[in-house]
Each structure stands twice: as structure tokens, then as C-alpha cells.
Protein backbone atom coordinates (compact mmCIF):
# COMPACT_ATOMS: atom_id res chain seq x y z
CA MET A 1 93.05 76.10 56.57
CA SER A 2 90.62 79.15 57.75
CA LYS A 3 89.88 79.72 60.98
CA LEU A 4 86.29 79.13 60.04
CA GLN A 5 86.32 75.50 58.76
CA SER A 6 88.46 74.51 61.68
CA THR A 7 86.07 76.10 63.50
CA ILE A 8 83.05 73.94 62.50
CA GLU A 9 85.51 71.04 62.43
CA THR A 10 86.12 71.06 65.85
CA LEU A 11 82.52 71.63 66.88
CA ALA A 12 81.68 68.67 64.25
CA SER A 13 84.10 65.92 65.67
CA ASP A 14 83.11 67.37 69.69
CA PHE A 15 79.01 66.71 68.63
CA ALA A 16 79.87 62.92 67.25
CA THR A 17 82.15 62.40 70.36
CA ASN A 18 79.24 63.63 72.70
CA VAL A 19 76.39 61.46 70.91
CA LEU A 20 78.45 58.19 70.37
CA ALA A 21 79.01 58.52 74.35
CA ALA A 22 75.52 59.39 75.40
CA LEU A 23 74.83 55.90 73.46
CA ARG A 24 77.25 54.16 74.97
CA THR A 25 75.63 54.86 78.12
CA ALA A 26 72.42 55.02 77.18
CA SER A 27 69.95 51.51 78.11
CA LEU A 28 68.81 49.04 75.24
CA ALA A 29 65.32 50.64 76.31
CA ASP A 30 65.99 54.32 75.87
CA ILE A 31 67.23 54.05 72.32
CA GLU A 32 64.17 51.59 71.47
CA GLY A 33 61.61 54.34 72.75
CA ILE A 34 63.26 57.10 71.05
CA THR A 35 63.83 55.60 67.49
CA SER A 36 60.31 53.68 67.74
CA GLY A 37 58.49 57.35 68.16
CA GLY A 38 57.64 59.95 65.77
CA ARG A 39 57.57 59.81 62.37
CA GLY A 40 58.60 55.27 61.95
CA GLY A 41 55.44 54.40 63.86
CA VAL A 42 52.41 52.54 62.66
CA ARG A 43 51.97 52.88 58.98
CA LYS A 44 48.17 53.77 57.21
CA PRO A 45 47.31 50.80 55.53
CA ALA A 46 47.71 50.67 51.78
CA ALA A 47 45.01 52.10 49.98
CA LYS A 48 42.66 49.85 48.53
CA VAL A 49 42.94 49.21 44.43
CA GLY A 50 40.18 48.50 42.49
CA VAL A 51 40.58 44.92 40.46
CA GLY A 52 42.56 45.04 37.68
CA GLY A 53 42.24 44.14 34.33
CA ARG A 54 39.47 43.95 31.70
CA LEU A 55 36.07 44.76 32.05
CA GLN A 56 33.53 41.49 31.32
CA ARG A 57 31.83 42.03 28.29
CA ARG A 58 28.35 43.79 28.65
CA SER A 59 25.41 43.26 27.12
CA ALA A 60 23.15 45.78 25.43
CA GLY A 61 21.05 45.89 28.20
CA ASP A 62 23.87 46.53 30.86
CA LEU A 63 25.06 49.44 28.31
CA ALA A 64 21.34 50.80 28.37
CA SER A 65 20.46 50.70 31.36
CA MET A 66 24.12 52.71 32.25
CA VAL A 67 23.07 54.77 29.92
CA GLU A 68 19.59 55.36 31.32
CA GLN A 69 21.46 56.06 34.71
CA ILE A 70 23.87 58.64 33.75
CA ALA A 71 21.02 60.17 31.66
CA VAL A 72 19.16 60.30 35.28
CA VAL A 73 22.11 62.22 36.96
CA LEU A 74 22.55 64.58 34.20
CA ALA A 75 18.83 65.42 34.38
CA LYS A 76 19.65 66.75 38.23
CA GLU A 77 22.53 69.09 36.75
CA THR A 78 21.34 71.55 34.33
CA ALA A 79 24.88 73.15 34.32
CA GLY A 80 26.33 69.69 33.49
CA LEU A 81 28.97 66.90 34.63
CA ARG A 82 32.45 66.14 34.15
CA ALA A 83 33.33 62.15 34.01
CA GLU A 84 34.75 61.81 36.75
CA GLN A 85 32.12 63.68 39.08
CA ILE A 86 29.76 61.19 36.88
CA ARG A 87 31.78 58.03 37.83
CA SER A 88 31.10 59.33 41.61
CA ALA A 89 27.67 59.67 41.29
CA LEU A 90 26.92 56.33 40.10
CA GLY A 91 29.72 54.51 42.94
CA VAL A 92 31.00 53.19 39.04
CA GLU A 93 35.22 52.55 37.94
CA ALA A 94 36.71 55.05 35.65
CA LYS A 95 36.47 52.42 33.23
CA GLU A 96 33.11 51.57 32.96
CA LEU A 97 31.93 55.15 31.38
CA PRO A 98 33.85 55.56 28.09
CA ARG A 99 31.23 52.97 26.39
CA PRO A 100 28.33 54.39 27.80
CA LEU A 101 28.96 58.03 27.27
CA LYS A 102 30.20 56.93 23.73
CA GLU A 103 27.05 55.70 23.07
CA GLY A 104 24.57 58.35 24.46
CA LEU A 105 26.33 60.76 22.51
CA ALA A 106 26.09 58.70 19.01
CA SER A 107 22.22 58.79 20.16
CA GLY A 108 22.20 62.25 20.86
CA ARG A 109 20.64 61.57 24.16
CA PHE A 110 23.82 63.41 25.55
CA ALA A 111 25.49 66.52 24.45
CA LYS A 112 29.75 67.45 25.24
CA SER A 113 31.39 70.56 24.87
CA GLY A 114 35.14 71.12 25.94
CA GLN A 115 38.03 69.04 25.69
CA LYS A 116 40.23 66.44 27.53
CA ARG A 117 39.37 66.28 31.12
CA ALA A 118 37.57 69.39 30.70
CA THR A 119 34.88 67.76 28.35
CA VAL A 120 31.08 68.18 30.47
CA TYR A 121 28.55 66.08 29.65
CA THR A 122 24.40 67.41 29.20
CA LEU A 123 21.36 65.76 28.43
CA GLY A 124 21.29 66.37 24.70
CA ARG A 125 17.92 66.97 22.16
CA GLY A 126 17.79 62.87 21.49
CA LYS A 127 14.81 60.62 21.09
CA LYS A 128 14.30 60.47 25.30
CA GLY A 129 16.33 63.23 26.27
CA LYS A 130 14.84 66.49 26.17
CA LYS A 131 16.71 69.68 27.29
CA ALA A 132 14.75 71.45 29.55
């Protein structure tokens, strides 16, 4: 065994002996005070989880209303918005947007550019939504 290894083992053994001696002489209140402070304190409440499952079936009027709300939001932003920006502006869940966006795109009310998360939606040249 090398001198360095034996020195480390001796120091570790002395340290462990001193820690055990300190724990034996400490009161239970002292030990609880040390262990309850720091990281293990009060936990944050869990983040709210949205209601799971499928959405209720929406009527054509509900979808048209949502398309209209999206058009109002897009009219304020000439550069366009990503889906998550539209969602936060309207205060709706992510699963509520795909169908109204799809219908708005199909009718020409909205236009899109980009792919996947980089998709930006703008007002299209459809019936009601003329680009300014």
C-alpha cells in the first residue's frame, strides 16, 4: 500500500470517528435542526396539470368563433405568430388549436410559412382576411 493511500484511509477513518462522536453527543433537537434546514425544507406545490383526455366535440359555430379569434390576434401582428404565441394570447390549451388553424388554412383565412415548431401563421388572402 502506498503512503498516499494509507494517509487518505487514516484521515477518512478519523473523520468518520469524529462525526460519529459528534452525533452521539448532540441532542435530538440539534440533529433535527440541521437536517430540516437547507434543501429538505418546504416543497413547492406541484404544477397544475390540465384536464386530460379528449376535448368535447365542438360545433361548427364554436370552430368558426375560434378561427375569428385567431384572425383578430393575427391582425395585430403583421410579422405573424407561432402556434404557442397564439395559444398564450387566447389563453387556450394546446390541443384546442390544431383544428381551427387547419380550417383557417383550408379556407384561405390564414397562411403559414416554415415547418414544425418554426411555423409562423399570418392572415391569408381568403374571403374575409385580406392581407394589409
